[in-house]
C-alpha atoms as a PDB file:
ATOM      1  CA  UNK A   1     -12.803-104.171 -28.349  1.00  0.00           C
ATOM      2  CA  UNK A   2      -8.732-104.737 -27.944  1.00  0.00           C
ATOM      3  CA  UNK A   3      -8.215-101.367 -29.748  1.00  0.00           C
ATOM      4  CA  UNK A   4     -10.769 -99.294 -27.968  1.00  0.00           C
ATOM      5  CA  UNK A   5      -9.090-100.477 -24.441  1.00  0.00           C
ATOM      6  CA  UNK A   6      -5.962 -99.683 -25.975  1.00  0.00           C
ATOM      7  CA  UNK A   7      -6.631 -96.109 -27.312  1.00  0.00           C
ATOM      8  CA  UNK A   8      -8.001 -95.537 -24.144  1.00  0.00           C
ATOM      9  CA  UNK A   9      -4.914 -96.438 -22.190  1.00  0.00           C
ATOM     10  CA  UNK A  10      -2.866 -93.845 -25.013  1.00  0.00           C
ATOM     11  CA  UNK A  11      -5.096 -91.194 -23.941  1.00  0.00           C
ATOM     12  CA  UNK A  12      -5.190 -91.996 -20.328  1.00  0.00           C
ATOM     13  CA  UNK A  13      -1.840 -91.862 -20.412  1.00  0.00           C
ATOM     14  CA  UNK A  14      -0.842 -89.015 -22.567  1.00  0.00           C
ATOM     15  CA  UNK A  15      -3.510 -86.419 -21.280  1.00  0.00           C
ATOM     16  CA  UNK A  16      -1.374 -86.079 -17.711  1.00  0.00           C
ATOM     17  CA  UNK A  17       1.909 -86.215 -19.731  1.00  0.00           C
ATOM     18  CA  UNK A  18       1.231 -83.301 -21.927  1.00  0.00           C
ATOM     19  CA  UNK A  19      -0.512 -81.403 -19.266  1.00  0.00           C
ATOM     20  CA  UNK A  20       2.690 -81.740 -17.201  1.00  0.00           C
ATOM     21  CA  UNK A  21       4.871 -80.840 -20.185  1.00  0.00           C
ATOM     22  CA  UNK A  22       2.758 -77.361 -20.689  1.00  0.00           C
ATOM     23  CA  UNK A  23       2.603 -76.457 -16.742  1.00  0.00           C
ATOM     24  CA  UNK A  24       6.373 -76.698 -16.899  1.00  0.00           C
ATOM     25  CA  UNK A  25       6.738 -74.540 -20.016  1.00  0.00           C
ATOM     26  CA  UNK A  26       4.807 -71.667 -18.417  1.00  0.00           C
ATOM     27  CA  UNK A  27       6.393 -72.043 -15.169  1.00  0.00           C
ATOM     28  CA  UNK A  28       9.972 -72.095 -16.943  1.00  0.00           C
ATOM     29  CA  UNK A  29       8.666 -68.875 -18.628  1.00  0.00           C
ATOM     30  CA  UNK A  30       7.750 -67.303 -15.500  1.00  0.00           C
ATOM     31  CA  UNK A  31      11.045 -67.965 -13.838  1.00  0.00           C
ATOM     32  CA  UNK A  32      12.584 -66.760 -16.863  1.00  0.00           C
ATOM     33  CA  UNK A  33      10.644 -63.292 -17.141  1.00  0.00           C
ATOM     34  CA  UNK A  34      11.358 -62.724 -13.715  1.00  0.00           C
ATOM     35  CA  UNK A  35      14.857 -63.575 -13.590  1.00  0.00           C
ATOM     36  CA  UNK A  36      15.196 -61.174 -16.796  1.00  0.00           C
ATOM     37  CA  UNK A  37      13.108 -58.541 -14.909  1.00  0.00           C
ATOM     38  CA  UNK A  38      15.614 -58.438 -11.972  1.00  0.00           C
ATOM     39  CA  UNK A  39      18.869 -58.393 -14.078  1.00  0.00           C
ATOM     40  CA  UNK A  40      17.620 -55.823 -15.862  1.00  0.00           C
ATOM     41  CA  UNK A  41      16.552 -53.391 -13.609  1.00  0.00           C
ATOM     42  CA  UNK A  42      19.848 -53.926 -12.008  1.00  0.00           C
ATOM     43  CA  UNK A  43      21.322 -53.011 -14.593  1.00  0.00           C
ATOM     44  CA  UNK A  44      19.486 -49.756 -15.266  1.00  0.00           C
ATOM     45  CA  UNK A  45      19.636 -48.927 -11.762  1.00  0.00           C
ATOM     46  CA  UNK A  46      23.597 -49.761 -11.298  1.00  0.00           C
ATOM     47  CA  UNK A  47      26.104 -46.097 -11.528  1.00  0.00           C
ATOM     48  CA  UNK A  48      22.915 -44.535 -12.234  1.00  0.00           C
ATOM     49  CA  UNK A  49      22.564 -45.546 -15.578  1.00  0.00           C
ATOM     50  CA  UNK A  50      18.986 -44.096 -15.610  1.00  0.00           C
ATOM     51  CA  UNK A  51      19.923 -40.943 -15.429  1.00  0.00           C
ATOM     52  CA  UNK A  52      22.623 -41.173 -18.225  1.00  0.00           C
ATOM     53  CA  UNK A  53      20.109 -42.581 -20.552  1.00  0.00           C
ATOM     54  CA  UNK A  54      17.533 -39.568 -19.747  1.00  0.00           C
ATOM     55  CA  UNK A  55      20.221 -36.812 -20.404  1.00  0.00           C
ATOM     56  CA  UNK A  56      21.275 -38.377 -23.491  1.00  0.00           C
ATOM     57  CA  UNK A  57      19.227 -35.840 -25.824  1.00  0.00           C
ATOM     58  CA  UNK A  58      16.909 -37.745 -28.547  1.00  0.00           C
ATOM     59  CA  UNK A  59      18.436 -41.207 -27.468  1.00  0.00           C
ATOM     60  CA  UNK A  60      15.345 -43.099 -26.379  1.00  0.00           C
ATOM     61  CA  UNK A  61      12.127 -40.721 -25.540  1.00  0.00           C
ATOM     62  CA  UNK A  62      10.800 -43.393 -22.497  1.00  0.00           C
ATOM     63  CA  UNK A  63      13.523 -45.540 -21.654  1.00  0.00           C
ATOM     64  CA  UNK A  64      11.567 -47.468 -18.883  1.00  0.00           C
ATOM     65  CA  UNK A  65       8.640 -48.540 -21.106  1.00  0.00           C
ATOM     66  CA  UNK A  66      11.318 -49.658 -24.216  1.00  0.00           C
ATOM     67  CA  UNK A  67      12.839 -51.754 -21.549  1.00  0.00           C
ATOM     68  CA  UNK A  68       9.367 -52.984 -20.134  1.00  0.00           C
ATOM     69  CA  UNK A  69       8.685 -53.711 -24.113  1.00  0.00           C
ATOM     70  CA  UNK A  70      11.619 -55.237 -24.889  1.00  0.00           C
ATOM     71  CA  UNK A  71      11.552 -57.591 -21.758  1.00  0.00           C
ATOM     72  CA  UNK A  72       8.051 -58.711 -22.408  1.00  0.00           C
ATOM     73  CA  UNK A  73       9.156 -59.542 -26.439  1.00  0.00           C
ATOM     74  CA  UNK A  74      12.057 -61.499 -25.501  1.00  0.00           C
ATOM     75  CA  UNK A  75      10.193 -63.658 -22.839  1.00  0.00           C
ATOM     76  CA  UNK A  76       7.851 -64.251 -25.637  1.00  0.00           C
ATOM     77  CA  UNK A  77      10.392 -64.999 -28.336  1.00  0.00           C
ATOM     78  CA  UNK A  78      12.407 -67.458 -25.934  1.00  0.00           C
ATOM     79  CA  UNK A  79       9.595 -69.385 -24.840  1.00  0.00           C
ATOM     80  CA  UNK A  80       8.306 -70.743 -27.903  1.00  0.00           C
END
Protein backbone atom coordinates (compact mmCIF):
# COMPACT_ATOMS: atom_id res chain seq x y z
CA UNK A 1 0.00 0.00 0.00
CA UNK A 2 2.86 2.33 0.80
CA UNK A 3 4.38 1.70 -2.62
CA UNK A 4 1.10 2.59 -4.35
CA UNK A 5 0.90 5.89 -2.45
CA UNK A 6 4.49 6.68 -3.39
CA UNK A 7 3.78 5.85 -7.04
CA UNK A 8 0.67 8.07 -7.11
CA UNK A 9 2.60 10.89 -5.46
CA UNK A 10 5.37 10.64 -8.05
CA UNK A 11 2.83 10.69 -10.88
CA UNK A 12 0.98 13.67 -9.40
CA UNK A 13 4.24 15.59 -9.09
CA UNK A 14 5.72 14.55 -12.45
CA UNK A 15 2.74 15.28 -14.70
CA UNK A 16 2.68 19.06 -14.16
CA UNK A 17 6.46 19.22 -14.48
CA UNK A 18 6.48 17.43 -17.83
CA UNK A 19 3.55 19.48 -19.08
CA UNK A 20 5.26 22.71 -18.06
CA UNK A 21 8.52 21.67 -19.68
CA UNK A 22 6.70 20.88 -22.93
CA UNK A 23 4.83 24.20 -22.83
CA UNK A 24 8.06 26.14 -22.22
CA UNK A 25 9.78 24.37 -25.12
CA UNK A 26 6.90 25.17 -27.48
CA UNK A 27 6.77 28.78 -26.29
CA UNK A 28 10.51 29.23 -26.82
CA UNK A 29 10.21 27.74 -30.30
CA UNK A 30 7.46 30.23 -31.18
CA UNK A 31 9.45 33.16 -29.81
CA UNK A 32 12.53 32.02 -31.71
CA UNK A 33 10.57 31.73 -34.97
CA UNK A 34 9.07 35.19 -34.49
CA UNK A 35 12.48 36.73 -33.83
CA UNK A 36 14.09 34.88 -36.74
CA UNK A 37 11.29 35.93 -39.09
CA UNK A 38 11.64 39.58 -38.09
CA UNK A 39 15.41 39.47 -38.45
CA UNK A 40 15.34 37.81 -41.85
CA UNK A 41 12.66 40.14 -43.18
CA UNK A 42 14.61 43.20 -42.04
CA UNK A 43 17.72 41.84 -43.76
CA UNK A 44 15.75 40.91 -46.90
CA UNK A 45 14.20 44.37 -47.28
CA UNK A 46 17.24 46.37 -46.14
CA UNK A 47 19.00 48.33 -48.87
CA UNK A 48 16.64 46.85 -51.48
CA UNK A 49 18.32 43.46 -51.17
CA UNK A 50 15.24 41.74 -52.60
CA UNK A 51 15.71 43.61 -55.90
CA UNK A 52 19.38 42.68 -56.00
CA UNK A 53 18.52 39.00 -55.49
CA UNK A 54 15.92 39.07 -58.26
CA UNK A 55 18.32 40.78 -60.67
CA UNK A 56 21.04 38.16 -60.30
CA UNK A 57 20.37 35.80 -63.17
CA UNK A 58 19.93 32.18 -62.18
CA UNK A 59 21.03 32.56 -58.58
CA UNK A 60 17.67 31.91 -56.92
CA UNK A 61 14.39 30.90 -58.48
CA UNK A 62 12.15 32.24 -55.75
CA UNK A 63 14.04 33.92 -52.89
CA UNK A 64 10.85 34.50 -50.87
CA UNK A 65 10.04 30.80 -50.83
CA UNK A 66 13.63 29.82 -50.05
CA UNK A 67 13.64 32.27 -47.14
CA UNK A 68 10.43 30.83 -45.70
CA UNK A 69 11.49 27.20 -46.10
CA UNK A 70 14.91 27.74 -44.54
CA UNK A 71 13.34 29.59 -41.60
CA UNK A 72 10.95 26.71 -40.95
CA UNK A 73 13.70 24.11 -41.20
CA UNK A 74 16.04 26.05 -38.93
CA UNK A 75 13.34 26.59 -36.33
CA UNK A 76 12.56 22.89 -36.19
CA UNK A 77 16.22 21.86 -35.93
CA UNK A 78 17.09 24.43 -33.28
CA UNK A 79 14.06 23.64 -31.14
CA UNK A 80 15.03 19.98 -30.89
